[in-house]
């Protein structure tokens, strides 16, 4: 990726002319259903600068998860453009998409998605192995450092089933950070956690933003959404409101 700070202020646009780290341009997403065509996104436009912490909020079925899936390349737009740094995400083949996502994005899911037969430290090492990042001899130490960041070194050699939901989510965050991505995308990361643990996860996200990460978080938690840089309200497949923290 090009220099995000320069691109964010428009002085050195990225390869495809985008002046922001993330640009979603007039994205439409349609699904074929038994009842006909369902339009999940209706011409959405969204810009995100480097070092922002953006909450995407809305009711169930509003299109907020579909929107974040467009940015991560987990799903593709029916029409429109998705630009992340120097990459036109909507143009990538499936093979190139997986490699790009592994190197440039950290994705955090509501249900953790840890491999049950691997220990926590092995789960964190997995993206390094997949993308061939760092020398093999370095990967264990890198993974342990990330587990230390989320206060899980004492659980490093446990299987996910031996850990609480909050511990599994923190391990999932460590895994998302494995290849030092610039952007983290989290889809309801606190949805299955109690309020205290959710607050701890949120505090960790704030620390990561302060250290230079950019985070997009889908959430239904209105209390948490008030504590981010900017909140984006999605309803019926459209962005209907934005609130920036002053």
C-alpha atoms as a PDB file:
ATOM      1  CA  UNK A   1       0.000   0.000   0.000  1.00  0.00           C
ATOM      2  CA  UNK A   2       1.076   3.554  -0.629  1.00  0.00           C
ATOM      3  CA  UNK A   3       1.608   6.084   2.115  1.00  0.00           C
ATOM      4  CA  UNK A   4      -1.749   6.238   3.839  1.00  0.00           C
ATOM      5  CA  UNK A   5      -1.119   9.574   5.520  1.00  0.00           C
ATOM      6  CA  UNK A   6      -0.305  11.283   2.261  1.00  0.00           C
ATOM      7  CA  UNK A   7      -3.255   9.705   0.521  1.00  0.00           C
ATOM      8  CA  UNK A   8      -5.611  10.664   3.303  1.00  0.00           C
ATOM      9  CA  UNK A   9      -4.972  14.391   2.860  1.00  0.00           C
ATOM     10  CA  UNK A  10      -5.120  14.136  -0.913  1.00  0.00           C
ATOM     11  CA  UNK A  11      -1.473  15.061  -1.593  1.00  0.00           C
ATOM     12  CA  UNK A  12      -0.402  11.675  -2.940  1.00  0.00           C
ATOM     13  CA  UNK A  13      -3.412   9.705  -4.159  1.00  0.00           C
ATOM     14  CA  UNK A  14      -3.205   5.948  -4.361  1.00  0.00           C
ATOM     15  CA  UNK A  15      -2.686   4.000  -7.555  1.00  0.00           C
ATOM     16  CA  UNK A  16      -6.331   4.054  -8.652  1.00  0.00           C
ATOM     17  CA  UNK A  17      -6.846   7.730  -7.852  1.00  0.00           C
ATOM     18  CA  UNK A  18      -8.409   7.210  -4.442  1.00  0.00           C
ATOM     19  CA  UNK A  19      -7.442   9.914  -1.972  1.00  0.00           C
ATOM     20  CA  UNK A  20      -8.523   7.831   1.041  1.00  0.00           C
ATOM     21  CA  UNK A  21      -7.193   4.556   2.425  1.00  0.00           C
ATOM     22  CA  UNK A  22     -10.602   2.946   1.788  1.00  0.00           C
ATOM     23  CA  UNK A  23     -13.092   4.106  -0.819  1.00  0.00           C
ATOM     24  CA  UNK A  24     -16.399   2.395  -1.551  1.00  0.00           C
ATOM     25  CA  UNK A  25     -17.838   3.923  -4.711  1.00  0.00           C
ATOM     26  CA  UNK A  26     -21.492   3.552  -5.656  1.00  0.00           C
ATOM     27  CA  UNK A  27     -21.587  -0.097  -4.592  1.00  0.00           C
ATOM     28  CA  UNK A  28     -24.697  -2.112  -5.326  1.00  0.00           C
ATOM     29  CA  UNK A  29     -25.031  -5.687  -4.082  1.00  0.00           C
ATOM     30  CA  UNK A  30     -27.882  -7.898  -5.249  1.00  0.00           C
ATOM     31  CA  UNK A  31     -28.748 -11.473  -4.341  1.00  0.00           C
ATOM     32  CA  UNK A  32     -31.053 -13.794  -6.231  1.00  0.00           C
ATOM     33  CA  UNK A  33     -33.731 -15.270  -3.969  1.00  0.00           C
ATOM     34  CA  UNK A  34     -36.808 -17.392  -4.469  1.00  0.00           C
ATOM     35  CA  UNK A  35     -38.876 -14.231  -4.250  1.00  0.00           C
ATOM     36  CA  UNK A  36     -36.739 -12.393  -6.814  1.00  0.00           C
ATOM     37  CA  UNK A  37     -33.801  -9.998  -6.593  1.00  0.00           C
ATOM     38  CA  UNK A  38     -32.920  -8.679  -3.139  1.00  0.00           C
ATOM     39  CA  UNK A  39     -30.812  -5.514  -3.140  1.00  0.00           C
ATOM     40  CA  UNK A  40     -28.666  -5.585   0.039  1.00  0.00           C
ATOM     41  CA  UNK A  41     -26.696  -2.438  -0.829  1.00  0.00           C
ATOM     42  CA  UNK A  42     -28.126   0.441  -2.828  1.00  0.00           C
ATOM     43  CA  UNK A  43     -25.392   2.640  -4.289  1.00  0.00           C
ATOM     44  CA  UNK A  44     -23.293   2.986  -1.138  1.00  0.00           C
ATOM     45  CA  UNK A  45     -20.403   5.465  -0.957  1.00  0.00           C
ATOM     46  CA  UNK A  46     -17.977   5.460   1.970  1.00  0.00           C
ATOM     47  CA  UNK A  47     -14.504   6.923   2.575  1.00  0.00           C
ATOM     48  CA  UNK A  48     -12.236   5.907   5.465  1.00  0.00           C
ATOM     49  CA  UNK A  49      -8.915   7.547   6.264  1.00  0.00           C
ATOM     50  CA  UNK A  50      -5.899   5.969   7.879  1.00  0.00           C
ATOM     51  CA  UNK A  51      -5.995   5.753  11.702  1.00  0.00           C
ATOM     52  CA  UNK A  52      -9.793   6.045  11.876  1.00  0.00           C
ATOM     53  CA  UNK A  53     -11.950   3.851  14.101  1.00  0.00           C
ATOM     54  CA  UNK A  54     -15.276   3.567  12.281  1.00  0.00           C
ATOM     55  CA  UNK A  55     -18.361   1.811  13.627  1.00  0.00           C
ATOM     56  CA  UNK A  56     -20.923   0.585  11.101  1.00  0.00           C
ATOM     57  CA  UNK A  57     -24.246   0.356  12.888  1.00  0.00           C
ATOM     58  CA  UNK A  58     -27.777  -0.632  11.940  1.00  0.00           C
ATOM     59  CA  UNK A  59     -30.526  -3.141  12.536  1.00  0.00           C
ATOM     60  CA  UNK A  60     -30.275  -6.791  11.546  1.00  0.00           C
ATOM     61  CA  UNK A  61     -30.621  -7.078   7.771  1.00  0.00           C
ATOM     62  CA  UNK A  62     -29.750  -3.423   7.167  1.00  0.00           C
ATOM     63  CA  UNK A  63     -26.707  -4.278   5.011  1.00  0.00           C
ATOM     64  CA  UNK A  64     -23.929  -3.424   7.474  1.00  0.00           C
ATOM     65  CA  UNK A  65     -22.247  -6.857   7.339  1.00  0.00           C
ATOM     66  CA  UNK A  66     -22.617  -6.907   3.554  1.00  0.00           C
ATOM     67  CA  UNK A  67     -20.832  -3.561   3.406  1.00  0.00           C
ATOM     68  CA  UNK A  68     -17.857  -4.748   5.439  1.00  0.00           C
ATOM     69  CA  UNK A  69     -17.747  -7.936   3.343  1.00  0.00           C
ATOM     70  CA  UNK A  70     -17.325  -5.751   0.250  1.00  0.00           C
ATOM     71  CA  UNK A  71     -14.303  -4.038   1.810  1.00  0.00           C
ATOM     72  CA  UNK A  72     -12.655  -7.291   2.925  1.00  0.00           C
ATOM     73  CA  UNK A  73     -13.344  -9.063  -0.366  1.00  0.00           C
ATOM     74  CA  UNK A  74     -15.330 -11.800   1.371  1.00  0.00           C
ATOM     75  CA  UNK A  75     -18.139 -10.876  -1.020  1.00  0.00           C
ATOM     76  CA  UNK A  76     -18.147  -8.961  -4.295  1.00  0.00           C
ATOM     77  CA  UNK A  77     -20.277  -6.032  -5.452  1.00  0.00           C
ATOM     78  CA  UNK A  78     -22.787  -6.480  -8.238  1.00  0.00           C
ATOM     79  CA  UNK A  79     -21.595  -3.097  -9.465  1.00  0.00           C
ATOM     80  CA  UNK A  80     -19.427  -0.272  -8.185  1.00  0.00           C
ATOM     81  CA  UNK A  81     -15.838  -0.100  -6.964  1.00  0.00           C
ATOM     82  CA  UNK A  82     -14.016  -0.986  -3.753  1.00  0.00           C
ATOM     83  CA  UNK A  83     -10.535   0.538  -3.429  1.00  0.00           C
ATOM     84  CA  UNK A  84      -8.261  -0.255  -0.482  1.00  0.00           C
ATOM     85  CA  UNK A  85      -4.875   1.419  -0.660  1.00  0.00           C
ATOM     86  CA  UNK A  86      -3.403   0.574  -4.054  1.00  0.00           C
ATOM     87  CA  UNK A  87      -5.761  -2.361  -4.606  1.00  0.00           C
ATOM     88  CA  UNK A  88      -8.990  -2.438  -6.613  1.00  0.00           C
ATOM     89  CA  UNK A  89     -10.500  -5.173  -4.469  1.00  0.00           C
ATOM     90  CA  UNK A  90     -13.501  -5.790  -6.721  1.00  0.00           C
ATOM     91  CA  UNK A  91     -11.220  -6.829  -9.608  1.00  0.00           C
ATOM     92  CA  UNK A  92      -9.192  -9.504  -7.812  1.00  0.00           C
ATOM     93  CA  UNK A  93      -9.491 -13.196  -8.645  1.00  0.00           C
ATOM     94  CA  UNK A  94     -10.311 -15.578  -5.792  1.00  0.00           C
ATOM     95  CA  UNK A  95      -6.681 -16.703  -5.505  1.00  0.00           C
ATOM     96  CA  UNK A  96      -5.264 -13.189  -5.493  1.00  0.00           C
ATOM     97  CA  UNK A  97      -7.994 -12.059  -3.096  1.00  0.00           C
ATOM     98  CA  UNK A  98      -7.006 -14.590  -0.439  1.00  0.00           C
ATOM     99  CA  UNK A  99      -3.332 -13.623  -0.589  1.00  0.00           C
ATOM    100  CA  UNK A 100      -4.100  -9.884  -0.583  1.00  0.00           C
ATOM    101  CA  UNK A 101      -6.465 -10.212   2.353  1.00  0.00           C
ATOM    102  CA  UNK A 102      -3.989 -12.318   4.300  1.00  0.00           C
ATOM    103  CA  UNK A 103      -1.264  -9.684   3.968  1.00  0.00           C
ATOM    104  CA  UNK A 104      -3.205  -6.421   4.213  1.00  0.00           C
ATOM    105  CA  UNK A 105      -6.318  -7.057   6.299  1.00  0.00           C
ATOM    106  CA  UNK A 106      -7.033  -8.592   9.659  1.00  0.00           C
ATOM    107  CA  UNK A 107     -10.574  -9.978   9.811  1.00  0.00           C
ATOM    108  CA  UNK A 108     -12.277 -10.649  13.154  1.00  0.00           C
ATOM    109  CA  UNK A 109     -15.527 -12.618  13.284  1.00  0.00           C
ATOM    110  CA  UNK A 110     -18.326 -12.754  15.836  1.00  0.00           C
ATOM    111  CA  UNK A 111     -17.906 -16.505  16.335  1.00  0.00           C
ATOM    112  CA  UNK A 112     -14.081 -16.375  16.546  1.00  0.00           C
ATOM    113  CA  UNK A 113     -13.456 -18.969  13.759  1.00  0.00           C
ATOM    114  CA  UNK A 114     -10.433 -20.449  15.512  1.00  0.00           C
ATOM    115  CA  UNK A 115      -9.432 -23.904  14.267  1.00  0.00           C
ATOM    116  CA  UNK A 116     -10.457 -26.255  17.086  1.00  0.00           C
ATOM    117  CA  UNK A 117      -7.592 -28.734  16.659  1.00  0.00           C
ATOM    118  CA  UNK A 118      -4.862 -26.072  16.902  1.00  0.00           C
ATOM    119  CA  UNK A 119      -3.654 -24.359  20.060  1.00  0.00           C
ATOM    120  CA  UNK A 120      -4.036 -20.619  20.388  1.00  0.00           C
ATOM    121  CA  UNK A 121      -0.433 -19.960  19.406  1.00  0.00           C
ATOM    122  CA  UNK A 122      -0.777 -22.282  16.399  1.00  0.00           C
ATOM    123  CA  UNK A 123      -3.931 -20.415  15.341  1.00  0.00           C
ATOM    124  CA  UNK A 124      -2.025 -17.123  15.496  1.00  0.00           C
ATOM    125  CA  UNK A 125       0.852 -18.564  13.448  1.00  0.00           C
ATOM    126  CA  UNK A 126      -1.487 -19.851  10.724  1.00  0.00           C
ATOM    127  CA  UNK A 127      -1.749 -16.589   8.694  1.00  0.00           C
ATOM    128  CA  UNK A 128       2.046 -16.258   8.799  1.00  0.00           C
ATOM    129  CA  UNK A 129       2.370 -19.755   7.357  1.00  0.00           C
ATOM    130  CA  UNK A 130      -0.326 -19.170   4.723  1.00  0.00           C
ATOM    131  CA  UNK A 131       1.185 -15.919   3.441  1.00  0.00           C
ATOM    132  CA  UNK A 132       4.800 -16.948   4.065  1.00  0.00           C
ATOM    133  CA  UNK A 133       5.377 -13.891   6.250  1.00  0.00           C
ATOM    134  CA  UNK A 134       8.467 -13.880   8.506  1.00  0.00           C
ATOM    135  CA  UNK A 135      11.052 -16.638   8.538  1.00  0.00           C
ATOM    136  CA  UNK A 136       9.681 -19.942   9.916  1.00  0.00           C
ATOM    137  CA  UNK A 137      12.041 -19.734  12.893  1.00  0.00           C
ATOM    138  CA  UNK A 138      10.581 -16.314  13.833  1.00  0.00           C
ATOM    139  CA  UNK A 139       6.896 -17.149  13.687  1.00  0.00           C
ATOM    140  CA  UNK A 140       6.481 -18.729  17.109  1.00  0.00           C
ATOM    141  CA  UNK A 141       8.093 -15.765  18.866  1.00  0.00           C
ATOM    142  CA  UNK A 142       5.967 -13.332  16.818  1.00  0.00           C
ATOM    143  CA  UNK A 143       2.819 -15.242  17.754  1.00  0.00           C
ATOM    144  CA  UNK A 144       3.753 -15.284  21.431  1.00  0.00           C
ATOM    145  CA  UNK A 145       4.356 -11.531  21.325  1.00  0.00           C
ATOM    146  CA  UNK A 146       0.859 -11.020  19.921  1.00  0.00           C
ATOM    147  CA  UNK A 147      -0.652 -13.261  22.582  1.00  0.00           C
ATOM    148  CA  UNK A 148       1.186 -11.190  25.167  1.00  0.00           C
ATOM    149  CA  UNK A 149      -0.397  -8.077  23.638  1.00  0.00           C
ATOM    150  CA  UNK A 150      -3.866  -9.519  24.347  1.00  0.00           C
ATOM    151  CA  UNK A 151      -2.829 -10.981  27.733  1.00  0.00           C
ATOM    152  CA  UNK A 152      -3.019 -14.633  26.671  1.00  0.00           C
ATOM    153  CA  UNK A 153       0.502 -16.007  26.983  1.00  0.00           C
ATOM    154  CA  UNK A 154      -0.645 -18.297  29.800  1.00  0.00           C
ATOM    155  CA  UNK A 155      -3.181 -19.852  27.401  1.00  0.00           C
ATOM    156  CA  UNK A 156      -0.885 -20.145  24.390  1.00  0.00           C
ATOM    157  CA  UNK A 157      -0.787 -23.939  24.351  1.00  0.00           C
ATOM    158  CA  UNK A 158      -4.465 -24.503  25.119  1.00  0.00           C
ATOM    159  CA  UNK A 159      -7.052 -25.513  22.549  1.00  0.00           C
ATOM    160  CA  UNK A 160      -9.860 -23.009  21.930  1.00  0.00           C
ATOM    161  CA  UNK A 161     -12.368 -25.303  23.646  1.00  0.00           C
ATOM    162  CA  UNK A 162     -10.414 -24.903  26.899  1.00  0.00           C
ATOM    163  CA  UNK A 163     -10.755 -21.103  26.787  1.00  0.00           C
ATOM    164  CA  UNK A 164     -13.600 -18.704  27.547  1.00  0.00           C
ATOM    165  CA  UNK A 165     -15.395 -16.739  24.847  1.00  0.00           C
ATOM    166  CA  UNK A 166     -13.497 -13.582  25.745  1.00  0.00           C
ATOM    167  CA  UNK A 167     -10.170 -15.413  25.584  1.00  0.00           C
ATOM    168  CA  UNK A 168     -11.061 -16.902  22.193  1.00  0.00           C
ATOM    169  CA  UNK A 169     -11.995 -13.465  20.860  1.00  0.00           C
ATOM    170  CA  UNK A 170      -8.711 -11.986  22.084  1.00  0.00           C
ATOM    171  CA  UNK A 171      -6.885 -14.878  20.395  1.00  0.00           C
ATOM    172  CA  UNK A 172      -8.818 -14.115  17.205  1.00  0.00           C
ATOM    173  CA  UNK A 173      -7.634 -10.501  17.428  1.00  0.00           C
ATOM    174  CA  UNK A 174      -4.038 -11.687  17.879  1.00  0.00           C
ATOM    175  CA  UNK A 175      -4.474 -13.886  14.791  1.00  0.00           C
ATOM    176  CA  UNK A 176      -5.872 -10.925  12.829  1.00  0.00           C
ATOM    177  CA  UNK A 177      -2.711  -8.987  13.723  1.00  0.00           C
ATOM    178  CA  UNK A 178      -0.381 -11.838  12.709  1.00  0.00           C
ATOM    179  CA  UNK A 179       0.876 -10.250   9.487  1.00  0.00           C
ATOM    180  CA  UNK A 180       0.815  -6.686  10.867  1.00  0.00           C
ATOM    181  CA  UNK A 181      -2.037  -5.473   8.621  1.00  0.00           C
ATOM    182  CA  UNK A 182      -2.828  -1.797   8.346  1.00  0.00           C
ATOM    183  CA  UNK A 183      -6.574  -2.436   8.546  1.00  0.00           C
ATOM    184  CA  UNK A 184      -8.684  -4.525  10.926  1.00  0.00           C
ATOM    185  CA  UNK A 185     -12.270  -5.381   9.979  1.00  0.00           C
ATOM    186  CA  UNK A 186     -14.435  -6.732  12.782  1.00  0.00           C
ATOM    187  CA  UNK A 187     -17.979  -8.057  12.306  1.00  0.00           C
ATOM    188  CA  UNK A 188     -19.876  -7.943  15.621  1.00  0.00           C
ATOM    189  CA  UNK A 189     -16.691  -8.788  17.574  1.00  0.00           C
ATOM    190  CA  UNK A 190     -18.379  -8.284  20.945  1.00  0.00           C
ATOM    191  CA  UNK A 191     -21.757  -9.783  20.041  1.00  0.00           C
ATOM    192  CA  UNK A 192     -21.218 -12.981  22.051  1.00  0.00           C
ATOM    193  CA  UNK A 193     -19.418 -11.411  25.001  1.00  0.00           C
ATOM    194  CA  UNK A 194     -20.581 -10.018  28.322  1.00  0.00           C
ATOM    195  CA  UNK A 195     -20.441  -6.247  28.765  1.00  0.00           C
ATOM    196  CA  UNK A 196     -17.233  -6.270  30.824  1.00  0.00           C
ATOM    197  CA  UNK A 197     -15.334  -8.413  28.306  1.00  0.00           C
ATOM    198  CA  UNK A 198     -16.782  -6.385  25.418  1.00  0.00           C
ATOM    199  CA  UNK A 199     -15.420  -3.237  27.044  1.00  0.00           C
ATOM    200  CA  UNK A 200     -11.969  -4.834  27.339  1.00  0.00           C
ATOM    201  CA  UNK A 201     -12.001  -5.771  23.642  1.00  0.00           C
ATOM    202  CA  UNK A 202     -13.043  -2.236  22.763  1.00  0.00           C
ATOM    203  CA  UNK A 203     -10.244  -0.766  24.875  1.00  0.00           C
ATOM    204  CA  UNK A 204      -7.795  -2.992  22.991  1.00  0.00           C
ATOM    205  CA  UNK A 205      -9.156  -1.690  19.672  1.00  0.00           C
ATOM    206  CA  UNK A 206      -8.677   1.889  20.835  1.00  0.00           C
ATOM    207  CA  UNK A 207      -5.083   1.103  21.757  1.00  0.00           C
ATOM    208  CA  UNK A 208      -4.449  -0.407  18.324  1.00  0.00           C
ATOM    209  CA  UNK A 209      -5.880   2.701  16.611  1.00  0.00           C
ATOM    210  CA  UNK A 210      -3.630   4.891  18.755  1.00  0.00           C
ATOM    211  CA  UNK A 211      -0.698   2.773  17.551  1.00  0.00           C
ATOM    212  CA  UNK A 212      -1.605   3.365  13.897  1.00  0.00           C
ATOM    213  CA  UNK A 213      -4.181   0.759  12.860  1.00  0.00           C
ATOM    214  CA  UNK A 214      -7.387   1.545  11.005  1.00  0.00           C
ATOM    215  CA  UNK A 215     -10.442  -0.312  12.302  1.00  0.00           C
ATOM    216  CA  UNK A 216     -13.890  -0.852  10.835  1.00  0.00           C
ATOM    217  CA  UNK A 217     -16.299  -2.490  13.250  1.00  0.00           C
ATOM    218  CA  UNK A 218     -19.827  -3.694  12.579  1.00  0.00           C
ATOM    219  CA  UNK A 219     -21.764  -3.489  15.820  1.00  0.00           C
ATOM    220  CA  UNK A 220     -25.274  -3.312  17.210  1.00  0.00           C
ATOM    221  CA  UNK A 221     -23.951  -1.988  20.533  1.00  0.00           C
ATOM    222  CA  UNK A 222     -24.973   1.687  20.601  1.00  0.00           C
ATOM    223  CA  UNK A 223     -22.909   2.384  23.725  1.00  0.00           C
ATOM    224  CA  UNK A 224     -19.690   1.188  22.080  1.00  0.00           C
ATOM    225  CA  UNK A 225     -20.504   2.951  18.809  1.00  0.00           C
ATOM    226  CA  UNK A 226     -20.458   6.302  20.620  1.00  0.00           C
ATOM    227  CA  UNK A 227     -16.795   5.833  21.554  1.00  0.00           C
ATOM    228  CA  UNK A 228     -15.318   5.546  18.050  1.00  0.00           C
ATOM    229  CA  UNK A 229     -13.870   8.176  15.690  1.00  0.00           C
ATOM    230  CA  UNK A 230     -16.963   8.026  13.479  1.00  0.00           C
ATOM    231  CA  UNK A 231     -20.173   6.028  13.331  1.00  0.00           C
ATOM    232  CA  UNK A 232     -21.956   5.212  10.084  1.00  0.00           C
ATOM    233  CA  UNK A 233     -25.641   4.285  10.204  1.00  0.00           C
ATOM    234  CA  UNK A 234     -26.900   1.818   7.584  1.00  0.00           C
ATOM    235  CA  UNK A 235     -30.600   1.220   6.904  1.00  0.00           C
ATOM    236  CA  UNK A 236     -32.224  -0.666   4.034  1.00  0.00           C
ATOM    237  CA  UNK A 237     -28.914  -0.948   2.197  1.00  0.00           C
ATOM    238  CA  UNK A 238     -28.041   2.743   2.349  1.00  0.00           C
ATOM    239  CA  UNK A 239     -25.923   4.983   4.550  1.00  0.00           C
ATOM    240  CA  UNK A 240     -28.483   7.267   6.170  1.00  0.00           C
ATOM    241  CA  UNK A 241     -26.371   9.089   8.764  1.00  0.00           C
ATOM    242  CA  UNK A 242     -22.797   9.681   9.886  1.00  0.00           C
ATOM    243  CA  UNK A 243     -21.625  11.040  13.230  1.00  0.00           C
ATOM    244  CA  UNK A 244     -18.025  12.102  13.766  1.00  0.00           C
ATOM    245  CA  UNK A 245     -16.555  12.367  17.245  1.00  0.00           C
ATOM    246  CA  UNK A 246     -15.565  15.945  18.024  1.00  0.00           C
END
